[in-house]
Protein backbone atom coordinates (compact mmCIF):
# COMPACT_ATOMS: atom_id res chain seq x y z
CA MET A 1 49.25 118.61 100.34
CA ILE A 2 46.52 115.61 100.62
CA ASN A 3 47.73 115.86 104.47
CA ARG A 4 46.62 120.00 104.07
CA MET A 5 44.00 119.48 101.82
CA SER A 6 42.29 116.95 103.92
CA PHE A 7 42.49 119.44 107.17
CA LEU A 8 41.07 122.20 104.83
CA PHE A 9 37.77 119.62 103.89
CA PHE A 10 38.12 118.88 107.85
CA SER A 11 37.49 122.37 108.84
CA LEU A 12 34.12 122.45 106.56
CA PHE A 13 32.76 119.54 108.28
CA LEU A 14 33.14 121.36 112.14
CA LEU A 15 31.62 123.98 110.15
CA LEU A 16 28.91 122.96 108.17
CA SER A 17 25.97 122.44 110.12
CA TYR A 18 26.63 126.16 110.50
CA PHE A 19 26.43 127.44 107.04
CA ASN A 20 26.41 126.59 103.48
CA VAL A 21 28.79 126.85 100.89
CA SER A 22 26.76 128.10 97.90
CA HIS A 23 23.16 127.71 98.05
CA ALA A 24 20.92 125.39 99.59
CA LYS A 25 18.31 123.30 97.27
CA THR A 26 14.49 124.03 99.21
CA PRO A 27 14.18 121.75 101.87
CA SER A 28 11.66 119.24 101.33
CA SER A 29 8.64 118.70 103.72
CA SER A 30 10.11 116.38 105.66
CA SER A 31 13.21 117.52 106.12
CA GLN A 32 11.71 120.81 107.59
CA ALA A 33 9.67 118.22 109.96
CA ASN A 34 12.84 116.86 111.72
CA THR A 35 13.15 119.26 114.56
CA PHE A 36 17.24 117.72 114.47
CA THR A 37 18.42 119.63 111.11
CA PRO A 38 20.25 122.56 110.79
CA ARG A 39 17.54 124.37 109.34
CA ALA A 40 15.47 123.89 112.48
CA SER A 41 18.07 124.71 114.93
CA LEU A 42 18.33 127.76 112.97
CA ILE A 43 15.54 128.53 113.37
CA ARG A 44 14.68 127.99 117.07
CA TYR A 45 17.93 130.04 117.24
CA TRP A 46 15.86 132.99 115.51
CA ASN A 47 12.96 132.50 117.15
CA ASN A 48 14.95 132.71 120.42
CA HIS A 49 16.87 135.96 119.46
CA ILE A 50 14.80 138.36 117.45
CA SER A 51 12.41 139.61 119.15
CA ASN A 52 9.24 140.36 115.99
CA ASN A 53 6.80 138.44 114.33
CA LEU A 54 7.90 139.29 111.00
CA PRO A 55 7.99 136.45 107.82
CA LYS A 56 11.71 134.74 108.14
CA PRO A 57 14.20 135.66 105.70
CA LEU A 58 13.64 131.99 104.06
CA PHE A 59 17.13 133.70 101.77
CA LEU A 60 18.81 133.35 105.81
CA PHE A 61 17.83 129.44 106.52
CA SER A 62 18.71 128.66 103.20
CA LYS A 63 22.76 128.76 104.21
CA ALA A 64 21.88 126.06 106.91
CA SER A 65 23.18 122.58 106.07
CA PRO A 66 21.24 120.29 104.34
CA LEU A 67 23.53 117.68 105.40
CA ASN A 68 21.57 115.04 107.50
CA ALA A 69 23.52 113.61 110.57
CA GLN A 70 24.02 110.54 109.45
CA ASN A 71 25.99 112.49 106.24
CA SER A 72 27.39 114.59 108.45
CA ALA A 73 29.24 111.02 110.62
CA ILE A 74 30.29 109.62 107.95
CA PHE A 75 32.31 112.48 105.81
CA THR A 76 33.66 113.30 109.93
CA ASN A 77 35.04 110.34 108.75
CA LEU A 78 36.26 109.97 106.19
CA ALA A 79 37.80 113.26 106.31
CA THR A 80 39.75 112.59 109.83
CA GLN A 81 41.09 109.20 107.75
CA ASN A 82 42.28 111.48 105.46
CA SER A 83 40.22 109.69 103.16
CA LEU A 84 37.66 112.02 101.44
CA SER A 85 40.00 113.39 98.39
CA SER A 86 38.38 109.62 96.68
CA HIS A 87 34.26 111.28 97.84
CA PHE A 88 34.77 114.80 96.92
CA HIS A 89 31.61 114.27 93.59
CA SER A 90 29.34 112.45 96.96
CA PHE A 91 30.96 114.78 99.24
CA CYS A 92 29.91 117.91 96.82
CA SER A 93 26.96 116.76 95.58
CA LEU A 94 24.95 116.12 98.81
CA ALA A 95 26.37 118.59 101.22
CA ASN A 96 25.27 120.89 98.17
CA LEU A 97 28.93 122.29 97.65
CA TYR A 98 30.62 124.06 94.04
CA CYS A 99 33.81 121.66 94.36
CA SER A 100 35.72 123.38 91.57
CA PHE A 101 38.75 120.87 90.68
CA GLU A 102 40.23 123.51 88.98
CA ASP A 103 43.48 124.60 88.96
CA GLU A 104 42.70 127.98 88.63
CA VAL A 105 41.02 130.21 92.44
CA ALA A 106 38.25 132.97 91.66
CA GLU A 107 40.06 136.65 92.64
CA THR A 108 40.00 137.92 95.69
CA ASN A 109 41.08 140.67 97.79
CA SER A 110 41.90 141.96 100.51
CA ASN A 111 43.61 145.18 101.30
CA GLY A 112 40.51 146.53 102.82
CA GLN A 113 38.37 145.56 100.39
CA TYR A 114 34.97 146.65 102.56
CA SER A 115 36.27 149.37 103.85
CA TYR A 116 33.09 151.08 102.87
CA GLY A 117 35.81 154.22 102.57
CA LYS A 118 38.38 153.04 100.41
CA VAL A 119 36.25 150.17 98.60
CA LYS A 120 35.94 149.84 94.71
CA PHE A 121 32.45 149.24 93.81
CA LYS A 122 33.42 147.29 90.42
CA LYS A 123 34.83 144.51 93.86
CA TYR A 124 32.24 145.73 96.32
CA GLY A 125 30.90 142.84 97.03
CA LYS A 126 31.64 140.83 94.06
CA ARG A 127 29.56 138.21 93.82
CA LEU A 128 30.82 134.42 93.91
CA VAL A 129 29.13 132.39 92.55
CA GLY A 130 29.00 129.13 94.23
CA ARG A 131 32.07 129.35 96.44
CA GLY A 132 33.62 125.61 98.07
CA ILE A 133 36.86 123.69 97.71
CA GLY A 134 38.79 123.55 94.41
CA GLY A 135 41.69 121.19 94.12
CA GLY A 136 44.21 123.05 92.48
CA ARG A 137 47.20 125.00 93.92
CA ILE A 138 47.50 124.74 97.77
CA ARG A 139 49.30 128.22 97.01
CA SER A 140 46.12 129.29 95.82
CA MET A 141 43.89 128.26 98.23
CA GLU A 142 46.38 129.67 101.27
CA ARG A 143 47.02 133.17 99.29
CA MET A 144 43.01 133.29 99.94
CA LEU A 145 43.12 132.55 103.22
CA VAL A 146 45.78 135.11 104.20
CA ASN A 147 44.16 137.34 102.32
CA ALA A 148 40.59 136.27 104.33
CA LEU A 149 42.70 137.08 107.25
CA ALA A 150 43.90 139.66 106.45
CA GLU A 151 40.43 141.22 106.52
CA CYS A 152 39.47 140.24 109.00
CA GLU A 153 41.90 140.85 111.49
CA ARG A 154 41.87 144.86 109.68
CA ALA A 155 41.13 147.73 112.39
CA PRO A 156 37.68 149.47 111.96
CA SER A 157 37.36 152.78 110.29
CA LEU A 158 36.14 155.77 112.30
CA GLY A 159 32.60 155.31 113.71
CA GLU A 160 32.40 150.76 112.17
CA SER A 161 32.09 148.23 114.11
CA LYS A 162 33.31 144.82 112.28
CA GLN A 163 33.34 140.99 113.05
CA CYS A 164 34.25 138.41 110.90
CA VAL A 165 31.25 135.62 111.52
CA GLY A 166 30.78 131.76 110.42
CA SER A 167 28.03 131.19 110.98
CA VAL A 168 24.15 132.35 110.95
CA GLU A 169 24.23 132.49 114.81
CA ASP A 170 27.52 134.29 114.94
CA MET A 171 25.79 137.16 112.28
CA ILE A 172 22.75 137.52 114.42
CA ASP A 173 24.39 138.19 117.95
CA PHE A 174 26.75 141.10 115.56
CA ALA A 175 23.69 142.27 114.33
CA VAL A 176 21.36 142.17 117.71
CA SER A 177 24.56 144.26 119.60
CA VAL A 178 24.67 147.16 117.00
CA LEU A 179 20.95 147.18 116.13
CA GLY A 180 18.56 144.88 119.66
CA HIS A 181 16.30 142.26 118.95
CA ASN A 182 14.33 144.56 116.73
CA VAL A 183 15.32 143.35 113.83
CA VAL A 184 14.83 142.17 109.59
CA VAL A 185 17.49 141.25 107.30
CA ARG A 186 17.06 141.90 103.80
CA SER A 187 19.32 141.28 100.56
CA THR A 188 18.86 141.70 96.20
CA LYS A 189 16.94 138.10 95.37
CA ASN A 190 19.49 137.65 92.21
CA VAL A 191 21.30 138.54 89.69
CA ASN A 192 18.77 139.55 87.06
CA GLY A 193 19.29 142.88 85.66
CA SER A 194 23.06 142.34 85.89
CA LYS A 195 25.32 144.79 83.21
CA GLN A 196 22.17 145.41 81.29
CA ASN A 197 19.55 148.26 81.30
CA VAL A 198 16.90 147.80 84.05
CA MET A 199 13.71 150.85 84.41
CA ILE A 200 13.39 151.17 87.96
CA GLY A 201 10.01 150.14 89.09
CA SER A 202 8.69 150.74 92.94
CA VAL A 203 10.61 151.80 95.98
CA LYS A 204 10.25 151.63 99.56
CA GLU A 205 11.51 153.70 102.30
CA ILE A 206 13.43 151.30 105.01
CA ASN A 207 13.33 152.94 108.54
CA GLY A 208 10.28 155.53 106.45
CA GLY A 209 13.53 157.04 104.82
CA GLU A 210 15.21 158.54 108.28
CA VAL A 211 18.53 157.68 109.20
CA THR A 212 19.80 155.41 110.38
CA ASN A 213 22.04 152.66 111.06
CA LEU A 214 22.97 149.42 108.78
CA VAL A 215 24.82 145.74 110.38
CA SER A 216 25.97 144.83 106.12
CA CYS A 217 27.36 141.49 105.60
CA HIS A 218 29.38 140.50 102.93
CA GLN A 219 31.21 137.17 101.54
CA ILE A 220 34.46 136.45 101.64
CA MET A 221 36.50 133.99 99.65
CA TYR A 222 36.76 131.53 101.86
CA PRO A 223 37.06 127.12 102.36
CA TYR A 224 33.61 127.38 104.44
CA LEU A 225 31.38 129.97 104.14
CA LEU A 226 32.29 133.65 105.22
CA TYR A 227 30.89 136.77 105.54
CA TYR A 228 32.37 139.97 107.14
CA CYS A 229 30.36 142.23 109.11
CA HIS A 230 30.37 145.25 109.84
CA SER A 231 28.39 148.40 110.78
CA LEU A 232 27.22 151.33 108.70
CA PRO A 233 26.40 154.64 110.79
CA LYS A 234 23.95 158.25 108.96
CA VAL A 235 22.60 155.89 106.20
CA ARG A 236 19.38 155.63 104.51
CA VAL A 237 18.22 152.34 102.88
CA TYR A 238 16.05 150.89 100.02
CA GLN A 239 14.83 148.45 98.78
CA ALA A 240 13.38 148.86 94.36
CA ASP A 241 11.11 146.42 92.16
CA ILE A 242 14.33 146.48 88.46
CA LEU A 243 11.88 145.66 86.09
CA ASP A 244 12.56 144.27 82.94
CA VAL A 245 12.92 147.48 79.49
CA GLU A 246 10.89 146.20 77.42
CA SER A 247 8.46 144.09 79.12
CA LYS A 248 8.84 145.85 82.27
CA ALA A 249 7.80 143.24 83.65
CA LYS A 250 9.90 142.81 87.82
CA ILE A 251 12.84 140.76 87.24
CA ASN A 252 14.75 141.77 90.49
CA HIS A 253 14.27 143.18 94.07
CA GLY A 254 16.83 144.70 94.58
CA VAL A 255 18.14 146.42 98.17
CA ALA A 256 20.42 150.14 98.44
CA ILE A 257 22.35 152.42 100.73
CA CYS A 258 23.33 155.83 100.19
CA HIS A 259 26.03 156.69 102.78
CA LEU A 260 24.96 160.34 103.63
CA ASN A 261 28.75 161.08 105.18
CA THR A 262 31.85 160.69 103.34
CA ALA A 263 33.93 163.02 104.91
CA ASP A 264 36.40 160.29 106.02
CA TRP A 265 36.41 158.60 103.00
CA SER A 266 39.52 158.04 100.63
CA PRO A 267 40.06 160.79 97.37
CA LYS A 268 40.58 157.84 95.61
CA HIS A 269 37.03 156.31 95.64
CA GLU A 270 36.14 155.07 92.43
CA ALA A 271 32.38 157.40 93.62
CA PHE A 272 34.89 160.06 93.86
CA LEU A 273 36.81 159.79 90.76
CA ALA A 274 33.95 158.82 88.80
CA LEU A 275 31.42 161.65 89.11
CA GLY A 276 34.15 164.54 89.91
CA PHE A 277 33.80 164.36 93.59
CA SER A 278 36.01 165.32 97.62
CA PRO A 279 35.02 162.98 100.54
CA GLY A 280 31.92 164.19 102.75
CA GLN A 281 31.41 166.79 99.00
CA ILE A 282 28.25 163.93 98.71
CA GLU A 283 26.07 161.38 98.99
CA VAL A 284 26.81 158.30 97.63
CA CYS A 285 24.82 155.26 96.68
CA HIS A 286 25.22 151.96 95.29
CA TRP A 287 23.00 148.15 95.30
CA PHE A 288 23.51 145.31 97.77
CA TYR A 289 24.01 142.21 95.64
CA GLU A 290 23.03 139.15 95.94
CA ASN A 291 23.54 137.03 99.42
CA GLU A 292 24.42 140.22 101.05
CA MET A 293 22.77 141.13 104.07
CA ALA A 294 21.34 144.36 104.89
CA TRP A 295 20.12 144.23 108.76
CA THR A 296 18.83 147.34 109.59
CA THR A 297 15.79 147.41 112.75
CA ALA A 298 12.47 146.29 111.82
CA ASP A 299 10.07 149.33 110.63
């Protein structure tokens, strides 16, 4: 078990240069100035592949690993020597990971969880807080891996292009391959307002409210941060301020999508069951969750 867990940690190191499993702390001015950090490399990649000069998506760049070259070398060496288990806490702290040492692993979903015509919205894009490596039962880890692989290897739905990506660079490449180089990425800012009554403030129609194509990227539970990205044709995308009911203060900034063509969706889709309609009779709209990515062509 120790060897298998060490292997998982070693695999994590190979990808830490691209993604951070949890929210990265705001880089210091010195790290921003360092041209050899993963963040700086990611910014260069963005500049080379995105054709517009719109403000850069800091929430996306925060996915870059906060480990410097020295720490990466130290922990990689520990992993290759199967000695990382005795340094879990320092590793998780420096890598800014949330590492669970409980016996339970968070629920994962499979069987086409993100197939947008079949998904149940209660679990659609479910926010997986602080995901990292746990010290729990290896059986749960294996189940998580199997579920993720099943979703990534699932055949695309009708009209869908899909790809699982393990780096921001790969995510950019997929979005560009579908939408072109003049793209922008958006995400809901936080979880404020979740499971409570809220008011909707100002609403902005993305791409002028016209029917458009979207690349949507959702997190998948995995030892390192993994995104399931897929293209969604014939949608409308919106941004909206979310307000507190009492104070009317802005508490969040959300991204929402409306699917215009639901004819090929499952009759058992939760939206149809809740609203009493059948596939093709209605549009279906939903929010994006924090850390989900909505890519569109730039306005």
